[in-house]
Amino acid sequence: MLIALAVVFASCGATAKFPVSSITPAADITARKKTDNHNNITLQITAKSLASPDRLNPAGSNYSVWVITNDHGVKNVGQLNIKNAKKSTFKTVTPFDFSEVFITVENQGNLLSPTGTEVSRTKM
């Protein structure tokens, strides 16, 4: 019974709110972390009122999403695409468990390490 209860709570996941950013102060960003049946980690980010990266100072071409893994350092897990200022979502699955998520504005995608300005960071 205790094992079943532990599995239920683990599958519920964790939700974290990103702090207000001085770069994008109007943005309301949350992250949800959940473990699936295969022990992969699902990360879902929801951003409301996030400005297009080309409107920032310094400007960029995309928002990159990074995780700080427990065993493998910093990993780029994808790009947050801004379709409109109202609401944008990002979802990915990774085999790496992580303790922090952060977003940077970058001029390139698929970077191995962050080079741009950090927008916001949260612990999971």
N, C-alpha and C. Protein backbone atom coordinates (compact mmCIF):
# COMPACT_ATOMS: atom_id res chain seq x y z
N MET A 1 0.82 -1.19 0.00
CA MET A 1 0.00 0.00 0.00
C MET A 1 0.87 1.26 0.00
N LEU A 2 1.93 1.26 0.80
CA LEU A 2 2.81 2.41 0.85
C LEU A 2 3.52 2.65 -0.47
N ILE A 3 3.90 1.57 -1.14
CA ILE A 3 4.56 1.71 -2.44
C ILE A 3 3.60 2.32 -3.46
N ALA A 4 2.38 1.87 -3.48
CA ALA A 4 1.38 2.42 -4.40
C ALA A 4 1.15 3.90 -4.12
N LEU A 5 1.09 4.27 -2.86
CA LEU A 5 0.90 5.66 -2.49
C LEU A 5 2.10 6.51 -2.91
N ALA A 6 3.30 5.97 -2.76
CA ALA A 6 4.51 6.68 -3.17
C ALA A 6 4.52 6.90 -4.68
N VAL A 7 4.10 5.91 -5.45
CA VAL A 7 4.05 6.04 -6.91
C VAL A 7 3.05 7.12 -7.32
N VAL A 8 1.92 7.17 -6.66
CA VAL A 8 0.90 8.18 -6.97
C VAL A 8 1.45 9.58 -6.70
N PHE A 9 2.10 9.77 -5.55
CA PHE A 9 2.65 11.09 -5.25
C PHE A 9 3.78 11.46 -6.19
N ALA A 10 4.62 10.52 -6.57
CA ALA A 10 5.72 10.79 -7.48
C ALA A 10 5.21 11.17 -8.86
N SER A 11 4.12 10.58 -9.29
CA SER A 11 3.60 10.88 -10.62
C SER A 11 2.91 12.24 -10.67
N CYS A 12 2.56 12.79 -9.51
CA CYS A 12 1.92 14.10 -9.47
C CYS A 12 2.88 15.20 -9.90
N GLY A 13 4.15 15.05 -9.60
CA GLY A 13 5.15 16.00 -10.04
C GLY A 13 5.25 17.21 -9.15
N ALA A 14 6.12 18.11 -9.56
CA ALA A 14 6.36 19.34 -8.84
C ALA A 14 6.11 20.52 -9.76
N THR A 15 5.61 21.59 -9.20
CA THR A 15 5.39 22.81 -9.95
C THR A 15 6.16 23.94 -9.28
N ALA A 16 6.81 24.77 -10.09
CA ALA A 16 7.57 25.90 -9.57
C ALA A 16 7.26 27.14 -10.41
N LYS A 17 7.22 28.26 -9.74
CA LYS A 17 7.00 29.54 -10.41
C LYS A 17 8.34 30.25 -10.53
N PHE A 18 8.64 30.74 -11.73
CA PHE A 18 9.85 31.51 -11.93
C PHE A 18 9.68 32.89 -11.28
N PRO A 19 10.73 33.43 -10.66
CA PRO A 19 10.61 34.77 -10.09
C PRO A 19 10.48 35.82 -11.19
N VAL A 20 9.99 37.00 -10.83
CA VAL A 20 9.85 38.09 -11.78
C VAL A 20 11.24 38.47 -12.29
N SER A 21 11.34 38.61 -13.59
CA SER A 21 12.60 38.91 -14.24
C SER A 21 12.72 40.40 -14.52
N SER A 22 13.91 40.95 -14.32
CA SER A 22 14.13 42.36 -14.66
C SER A 22 14.18 42.56 -16.17
N ILE A 23 14.45 41.48 -16.90
CA ILE A 23 14.53 41.55 -18.36
C ILE A 23 13.15 41.47 -19.00
N THR A 24 12.29 40.63 -18.44
CA THR A 24 10.91 40.48 -18.93
C THR A 24 9.96 40.57 -17.74
N PRO A 25 9.79 41.76 -17.16
CA PRO A 25 9.04 41.89 -15.91
C PRO A 25 7.56 41.54 -16.01
N ALA A 26 6.97 41.60 -17.18
CA ALA A 26 5.55 41.28 -17.31
C ALA A 26 5.29 39.77 -17.40
N ALA A 27 6.33 39.00 -17.61
CA ALA A 27 6.18 37.56 -17.84
C ALA A 27 5.78 36.83 -16.56
N ASP A 28 4.87 35.89 -16.72
CA ASP A 28 4.44 34.99 -15.66
C ASP A 28 4.78 33.59 -16.15
N ILE A 29 5.82 32.97 -15.57
CA ILE A 29 6.34 31.69 -16.08
C ILE A 29 6.29 30.64 -14.99
N THR A 30 5.76 29.47 -15.33
CA THR A 30 5.74 28.35 -14.40
C THR A 30 6.32 27.11 -15.08
N ALA A 31 6.86 26.22 -14.26
CA ALA A 31 7.42 24.96 -14.76
C ALA A 31 6.81 23.82 -13.97
N ARG A 32 6.58 22.72 -14.67
CA ARG A 32 6.06 21.51 -14.04
C ARG A 32 6.96 20.35 -14.42
N LYS A 33 7.39 19.61 -13.41
CA LYS A 33 8.28 18.47 -13.58
C LYS A 33 7.54 17.22 -13.13
N LYS A 34 7.58 16.19 -13.97
CA LYS A 34 6.87 14.95 -13.67
C LYS A 34 7.69 13.77 -14.17
N THR A 35 7.69 12.67 -13.42
CA THR A 35 8.37 11.45 -13.84
C THR A 35 7.35 10.51 -14.46
N ASP A 36 7.69 9.97 -15.66
CA ASP A 36 6.76 9.06 -16.33
C ASP A 36 7.02 7.61 -15.91
N ASN A 37 6.30 6.69 -16.51
CA ASN A 37 6.41 5.26 -16.17
C ASN A 37 7.76 4.65 -16.52
N HIS A 38 8.54 5.32 -17.39
CA HIS A 38 9.84 4.80 -17.81
C HIS A 38 10.99 5.53 -17.12
N ASN A 39 10.67 6.26 -16.06
CA ASN A 39 11.64 7.05 -15.29
C ASN A 39 12.26 8.19 -16.09
N ASN A 40 11.60 8.63 -17.16
CA ASN A 40 12.00 9.83 -17.85
C ASN A 40 11.33 11.02 -17.16
N ILE A 41 11.92 12.17 -17.31
CA ILE A 41 11.40 13.38 -16.67
C ILE A 41 10.74 14.24 -17.75
N THR A 42 9.48 14.59 -17.51
CA THR A 42 8.76 15.50 -18.40
C THR A 42 8.83 16.89 -17.79
N LEU A 43 9.21 17.86 -18.61
CA LEU A 43 9.24 19.26 -18.19
C LEU A 43 8.26 20.03 -19.07
N GLN A 44 7.35 20.74 -18.42
CA GLN A 44 6.42 21.59 -19.15
C GLN A 44 6.52 23.00 -18.59
N ILE A 45 6.71 23.96 -19.48
CA ILE A 45 6.80 25.36 -19.10
C ILE A 45 5.65 26.10 -19.75
N THR A 46 4.99 26.93 -18.96
CA THR A 46 3.94 27.80 -19.46
C THR A 46 4.36 29.24 -19.20
N ALA A 47 4.38 30.05 -20.25
CA ALA A 47 4.77 31.45 -20.13
C ALA A 47 3.63 32.34 -20.60
N LYS A 48 3.23 33.26 -19.76
CA LYS A 48 2.20 34.24 -20.12
C LYS A 48 2.85 35.61 -20.17
N SER A 49 2.47 36.39 -21.15
CA SER A 49 2.95 37.77 -21.33
C SER A 49 4.47 37.86 -21.47
N LEU A 50 5.07 36.89 -22.13
CA LEU A 50 6.52 36.89 -22.36
C LEU A 50 6.80 37.58 -23.69
N ALA A 51 7.62 38.62 -23.66
CA ALA A 51 7.94 39.39 -24.87
C ALA A 51 8.73 38.55 -25.86
N SER A 52 8.59 38.85 -27.11
CA SER A 52 9.38 38.20 -28.15
C SER A 52 10.85 38.48 -27.89
N PRO A 53 11.73 37.49 -28.09
CA PRO A 53 13.15 37.70 -27.77
C PRO A 53 13.82 38.81 -28.60
N ASP A 54 13.30 39.11 -29.77
CA ASP A 54 13.89 40.17 -30.58
C ASP A 54 13.54 41.57 -30.05
N ARG A 55 12.67 41.65 -29.05
CA ARG A 55 12.30 42.94 -28.46
C ARG A 55 13.08 43.25 -27.18
N LEU A 56 13.91 42.31 -26.75
CA LEU A 56 14.67 42.50 -25.52
C LEU A 56 15.94 43.31 -25.77
N ASN A 57 16.57 43.73 -24.68
CA ASN A 57 17.84 44.43 -24.77
C ASN A 57 18.82 43.77 -23.83
N PRO A 58 19.78 42.98 -24.31
CA PRO A 58 20.09 42.72 -25.72
C PRO A 58 19.09 41.75 -26.34
N ALA A 59 18.85 41.95 -27.60
CA ALA A 59 17.88 41.13 -28.34
C ALA A 59 18.49 39.77 -28.68
N GLY A 60 17.61 38.81 -28.95
CA GLY A 60 18.03 37.49 -29.37
C GLY A 60 17.04 36.93 -30.37
N SER A 61 17.30 35.71 -30.83
CA SER A 61 16.39 35.10 -31.80
C SER A 61 15.51 34.02 -31.17
N ASN A 62 15.86 33.56 -29.94
CA ASN A 62 15.05 32.53 -29.30
C ASN A 62 15.29 32.53 -27.79
N TYR A 63 14.39 31.85 -27.10
CA TYR A 63 14.57 31.55 -25.68
C TYR A 63 15.00 30.09 -25.59
N SER A 64 16.14 29.82 -24.97
CA SER A 64 16.60 28.45 -24.76
C SER A 64 16.27 28.04 -23.33
N VAL A 65 15.85 26.80 -23.17
CA VAL A 65 15.51 26.25 -21.86
C VAL A 65 16.64 25.30 -21.45
N TRP A 66 17.13 25.49 -20.23
CA TRP A 66 18.26 24.73 -19.70
C TRP A 66 17.86 24.07 -18.39
N VAL A 67 18.44 22.91 -18.12
CA VAL A 67 18.27 22.27 -16.82
C VAL A 67 19.64 22.01 -16.22
N ILE A 68 19.70 22.07 -14.90
CA ILE A 68 20.92 21.67 -14.19
C ILE A 68 20.65 20.28 -13.65
N THR A 69 21.29 19.31 -14.28
CA THR A 69 21.03 17.91 -13.94
C THR A 69 21.76 17.53 -12.66
N ASN A 70 21.30 16.47 -12.05
CA ASN A 70 21.92 15.99 -10.82
C ASN A 70 23.27 15.34 -11.07
N ASP A 71 23.49 14.77 -12.28
CA ASP A 71 24.73 14.04 -12.55
C ASP A 71 25.50 14.49 -13.79
N HIS A 72 24.90 15.30 -14.66
CA HIS A 72 25.53 15.59 -15.95
C HIS A 72 25.67 17.08 -16.27
N GLY A 73 25.60 17.93 -15.28
CA GLY A 73 25.79 19.37 -15.50
C GLY A 73 24.62 20.03 -16.19
N VAL A 74 24.91 21.09 -16.89
CA VAL A 74 23.89 21.90 -17.58
C VAL A 74 23.57 21.28 -18.93
N LYS A 75 22.28 21.13 -19.23
CA LYS A 75 21.83 20.56 -20.51
C LYS A 75 20.80 21.48 -21.15
N ASN A 76 20.94 21.69 -22.45
CA ASN A 76 19.96 22.41 -23.25
C ASN A 76 18.84 21.43 -23.58
N VAL A 77 17.61 21.75 -23.20
CA VAL A 77 16.51 20.82 -23.47
C VAL A 77 15.54 21.35 -24.53
N GLY A 78 15.85 22.51 -25.12
CA GLY A 78 15.02 22.98 -26.22
C GLY A 78 14.80 24.47 -26.21
N GLN A 79 13.88 24.90 -27.07
CA GLN A 79 13.58 26.32 -27.21
C GLN A 79 12.11 26.59 -26.91
N LEU A 80 11.89 27.68 -26.21
CA LEU A 80 10.53 28.14 -25.91
C LEU A 80 10.13 29.08 -27.04
N ASN A 81 9.17 28.66 -27.85
CA ASN A 81 8.71 29.48 -28.97
C ASN A 81 7.57 30.38 -28.53
N ILE A 82 7.70 31.65 -28.84
CA ILE A 82 6.68 32.63 -28.47
C ILE A 82 5.78 32.84 -29.67
N LYS A 83 4.55 32.34 -29.56
CA LYS A 83 3.60 32.48 -30.67
C LYS A 83 2.79 33.76 -30.53
N ASN A 84 2.46 34.11 -29.33
CA ASN A 84 1.80 35.38 -29.06
C ASN A 84 2.14 35.77 -27.63
N ALA A 85 1.86 36.98 -27.27
CA ALA A 85 2.24 37.46 -25.94
C ALA A 85 1.34 36.90 -24.84
N LYS A 86 0.19 36.36 -25.20
CA LYS A 86 -0.73 35.88 -24.17
C LYS A 86 -0.24 34.63 -23.47
N LYS A 87 0.05 33.57 -24.23
CA LYS A 87 0.45 32.31 -23.61
C LYS A 87 1.26 31.45 -24.58
N SER A 88 2.37 30.93 -24.08
CA SER A 88 3.20 30.01 -24.85
C SER A 88 3.54 28.83 -23.95
N THR A 89 3.66 27.66 -24.56
CA THR A 89 3.99 26.47 -23.78
C THR A 89 5.17 25.75 -24.42
N PHE A 90 5.87 25.01 -23.57
CA PHE A 90 7.02 24.22 -23.97
C PHE A 90 6.91 22.90 -23.22
N LYS A 91 7.15 21.79 -23.92
CA LYS A 91 7.11 20.49 -23.27
C LYS A 91 8.21 19.62 -23.86
N THR A 92 8.95 18.94 -22.99
CA THR A 92 10.01 18.04 -23.42
C THR A 92 10.14 16.90 -22.43
N VAL A 93 10.79 15.84 -22.89
CA VAL A 93 11.08 14.69 -22.05
C VAL A 93 12.59 14.48 -22.07
N THR A 94 13.16 14.25 -20.90
CA THR A 94 14.61 14.04 -20.79
C THR A 94 14.90 12.88 -19.85
N PRO A 95 15.97 12.14 -20.10
CA PRO A 95 16.33 11.06 -19.18
C PRO A 95 17.06 11.57 -17.94
N PHE A 96 17.42 12.85 -17.93
CA PHE A 96 18.20 13.43 -16.84
C PHE A 96 17.30 14.04 -15.78
N ASP A 97 17.50 13.62 -14.53
CA ASP A 97 16.80 14.28 -13.43
C ASP A 97 17.51 15.61 -13.19
N PHE A 98 16.76 16.62 -12.78
CA PHE A 98 17.35 17.95 -12.63
C PHE A 98 16.79 18.65 -11.40
N SER A 99 17.55 19.65 -10.94
CA SER A 99 17.16 20.38 -9.74
C SER A 99 16.82 21.83 -10.03
N GLU A 100 17.24 22.36 -11.17
CA GLU A 100 16.95 23.74 -11.54
C GLU A 100 16.63 23.83 -13.03
N VAL A 101 15.83 24.84 -13.36
CA VAL A 101 15.50 25.16 -14.75
C VAL A 101 15.77 26.64 -14.93
N PHE A 102 16.39 27.00 -16.05
CA PHE A 102 16.54 28.42 -16.35
C PHE A 102 16.37 28.67 -17.83
N ILE A 103 16.05 29.91 -18.15
CA ILE A 103 15.76 30.33 -19.53
C ILE A 103 16.72 31.45 -19.89
N THR A 104 17.33 31.34 -21.08
CA THR A 104 18.19 32.40 -21.58
C THR A 104 17.67 32.88 -22.93
N VAL A 105 18.02 34.09 -23.27
CA VAL A 105 17.74 34.59 -24.61
C VAL A 105 19.04 34.40 -25.40
N GLU A 106 18.93 33.73 -26.55
CA GLU A 106 20.10 33.34 -27.34
C GLU A 106 19.94 33.78 -28.80
N ASN A 107 21.05 33.82 -29.51
CA ASN A 107 21.03 34.11 -30.94
C ASN A 107 21.10 32.86 -31.78
N GLN A 108 21.37 31.71 -31.16
CA GLN A 108 21.44 30.43 -31.84
C GLN A 108 20.66 29.39 -31.04
N GLY A 109 20.18 28.37 -31.73
CA GLY A 109 19.58 27.25 -31.05
C GLY A 109 20.61 26.13 -30.92
N ASN A 110 20.27 25.07 -30.24
CA ASN A 110 21.12 23.88 -30.12
C ASN A 110 22.51 24.15 -29.57
N LEU A 111 22.62 25.10 -28.65
CA LEU A 111 23.90 25.37 -28.00
C LEU A 111 24.19 24.32 -26.94
N LEU A 112 25.46 24.07 -26.70
CA LEU A 112 25.86 23.11 -25.67
C LEU A 112 25.97 23.75 -24.29
N SER A 113 26.15 25.07 -24.28
CA SER A 113 26.19 25.80 -23.01
C SER A 113 25.60 27.18 -23.25
N PRO A 114 25.04 27.78 -22.20
CA PRO A 114 24.41 29.08 -22.37
C PRO A 114 25.44 30.18 -22.65
N THR A 115 25.11 31.05 -23.58
CA THR A 115 25.98 32.18 -23.90
C THR A 115 25.25 33.51 -23.76
N GLY A 116 23.93 33.48 -23.78
CA GLY A 116 23.14 34.70 -23.75
C GLY A 116 22.77 35.13 -22.34
N THR A 117 21.90 36.09 -22.28
CA THR A 117 21.43 36.66 -21.01
C THR A 117 20.41 35.75 -20.36
N GLU A 118 20.58 35.50 -19.08
CA GLU A 118 19.61 34.68 -18.35
C GLU A 118 18.37 35.52 -18.05
N VAL A 119 17.21 34.97 -18.39
CA VAL A 119 15.94 35.65 -18.17
C VAL A 119 15.42 35.37 -16.77
N SER A 120 15.38 34.08 -16.40
CA SER A 120 14.88 33.71 -15.07
C SER A 120 15.31 32.28 -14.76
N ARG A 121 15.26 31.93 -13.45
CA ARG A 121 15.69 30.61 -12.99
C ARG A 121 14.83 30.21 -11.80
N THR A 122 14.54 28.89 -11.73
CA THR A 122 13.80 28.38 -10.58
C THR A 122 14.34 27.01 -10.18
N LYS A 123 14.18 26.70 -8.91
CA LYS A 123 14.54 25.36 -8.41
C LYS A 123 13.32 24.47 -8.48
N MET A 124 13.54 23.19 -8.73
CA MET A 124 12.44 22.22 -8.83
C MET A 124 12.53 21.23 -7.69
